[in-house]
Amino acid sequence: MELDQKRIGKRFRHVRKLAGLTQEKYGEVLGLSKNHISDIERGCSLPTVKVLYSVYVQFGHTPDEILLGTSPQSVDEIMKKLSALTPSGRRLLEKLLDNLLDEGL
């Protein structure tokens, strides 16, 4: 699985904008320079684990939200749907997911 740096940057920026912060203030909260914030938001670099943890602690956004675009709510919804599947439905879904991953989708 390959991470899409541009999308990660957009999600990282989205968290900042939701908080109503400038790049400079966001950087101060996270212990980063304005230039580093800009690099992440433009997809030129990835946030470190330490930065992702800080975003979670300071703003409540999980690393999977930023890296993968998922949210705890969507994961819960998916889990409910999975639990409603029959065993044969689960096997079929597993095969479908394996095929998608093999194709790099």
Protein backbone atom coordinates (compact mmCIF):
# COMPACT_ATOMS: atom_id res chain seq x y z
CA MET A 1 0.00 0.00 0.00
CA GLU A 2 1.42 3.33 -1.06
CA LEU A 3 0.66 6.54 0.80
CA ASP A 4 -0.55 9.49 -1.28
CA GLN A 5 1.45 12.43 0.05
CA LYS A 6 -0.76 15.03 -1.68
CA ARG A 7 -3.92 13.65 -0.07
CA ILE A 8 -2.22 13.39 3.30
CA GLY A 9 -1.21 17.03 2.94
CA LYS A 10 -4.78 18.05 2.13
CA ARG A 11 -6.11 16.21 5.17
CA PHE A 12 -3.36 17.72 7.34
CA ARG A 13 -4.37 21.19 6.05
CA HIS A 14 -8.04 20.39 6.68
CA VAL A 15 -7.31 19.78 10.39
CA ARG A 16 -5.53 23.13 10.57
CA LYS A 17 -8.36 24.98 8.88
CA LEU A 18 -10.98 23.33 11.10
CA ALA A 19 -9.01 24.64 14.08
CA GLY A 20 -8.95 28.11 12.50
CA LEU A 21 -5.17 28.35 12.66
CA THR A 22 -2.60 29.87 10.36
CA GLN A 23 0.34 27.73 9.28
CA GLU A 24 2.48 29.66 11.73
CA LYS A 25 0.16 29.05 14.73
CA TYR A 26 -0.37 25.39 13.71
CA GLY A 27 3.41 25.00 13.60
CA GLU A 28 3.78 26.54 17.05
CA VAL A 29 1.26 24.08 18.51
CA LEU A 30 2.95 21.12 16.82
CA GLY A 31 6.53 22.30 17.33
CA LEU A 32 7.19 22.76 13.62
CA SER A 33 8.23 25.68 11.44
CA LYS A 34 5.76 27.36 9.11
CA ASN A 35 7.87 26.05 6.20
CA HIS A 36 7.62 22.47 7.45
CA ILE A 37 3.83 22.82 7.79
CA SER A 38 3.75 24.15 4.23
CA ASP A 39 5.85 21.22 2.98
CA ILE A 40 3.50 18.70 4.57
CA GLU A 41 0.37 20.47 3.30
CA ARG A 42 1.75 20.56 -0.25
CA GLY A 43 2.66 16.87 -0.11
CA CYS A 44 6.39 17.52 -0.28
CA SER A 45 7.02 15.70 2.98
CA LEU A 46 5.14 13.41 5.35
CA PRO A 47 4.34 14.12 8.98
CA THR A 48 6.34 12.05 11.45
CA VAL A 49 4.76 9.70 13.97
CA LYS A 50 5.48 12.31 16.63
CA VAL A 51 3.62 14.98 14.62
CA LEU A 52 0.68 12.65 13.96
CA TYR A 53 0.48 11.91 17.68
CA SER A 54 0.55 15.64 18.45
CA VAL A 55 -2.28 16.26 15.98
CA TYR A 56 -4.29 13.57 17.77
CA VAL A 57 -3.58 14.95 21.25
CA GLN A 58 -4.10 18.62 20.31
CA PHE A 59 -6.96 18.33 17.80
CA GLY A 60 -8.50 14.87 18.24
CA HIS A 61 -7.78 13.65 14.69
CA THR A 62 -6.37 10.14 14.55
CA PRO A 63 -3.34 9.19 12.44
CA ASP A 64 -5.53 6.97 10.23
CA GLU A 65 -7.76 9.97 9.47
CA ILE A 66 -4.75 11.91 8.19
CA LEU A 67 -2.86 9.07 6.51
CA LEU A 68 -5.76 7.07 5.08
CA GLY A 69 -8.73 9.40 5.16
CA THR A 70 -10.73 7.17 7.48
CA SER A 71 -12.47 8.18 10.64
CA PRO A 72 -13.46 6.18 13.69
CA GLN A 73 -17.10 6.67 12.76
CA SER A 74 -16.64 5.19 9.28
CA VAL A 75 -14.71 2.25 10.75
CA ASP A 76 -17.56 1.58 13.18
CA GLU A 77 -20.08 1.71 10.35
CA ILE A 78 -18.03 -0.73 8.28
CA MET A 79 -17.68 -3.10 11.23
CA LYS A 80 -21.47 -3.12 11.71
CA LYS A 81 -21.95 -4.00 8.07
CA LEU A 82 -19.31 -6.73 8.24
CA SER A 83 -20.92 -8.31 11.27
CA ALA A 84 -24.24 -8.48 9.39
CA LEU A 85 -22.70 -10.55 6.56
CA THR A 86 -23.17 -14.28 6.35
CA PRO A 87 -20.03 -16.44 6.45
CA SER A 88 -20.20 -16.89 2.67
CA GLY A 89 -20.62 -13.13 2.25
CA ARG A 90 -17.53 -12.52 4.36
CA ARG A 91 -15.49 -14.96 2.27
CA LEU A 92 -16.67 -13.27 -0.92
CA LEU A 93 -15.79 -9.83 0.47
CA GLU A 94 -12.37 -11.09 1.55
CA LYS A 95 -11.69 -12.36 -1.98
CA LEU A 96 -12.83 -9.04 -3.44
CA LEU A 97 -10.54 -7.10 -1.10
CA ASP A 98 -7.61 -9.40 -1.91
CA ASN A 99 -8.19 -8.81 -5.63
CA LEU A 100 -8.35 -5.04 -5.16
CA LEU A 101 -5.13 -5.07 -3.15
CA ASP A 102 -3.42 -7.28 -5.74
CA GLU A 103 -4.39 -4.73 -8.41
CA GLY A 104 -3.02 -1.89 -6.31
CA LEU A 105 -6.37 -0.16 -5.97
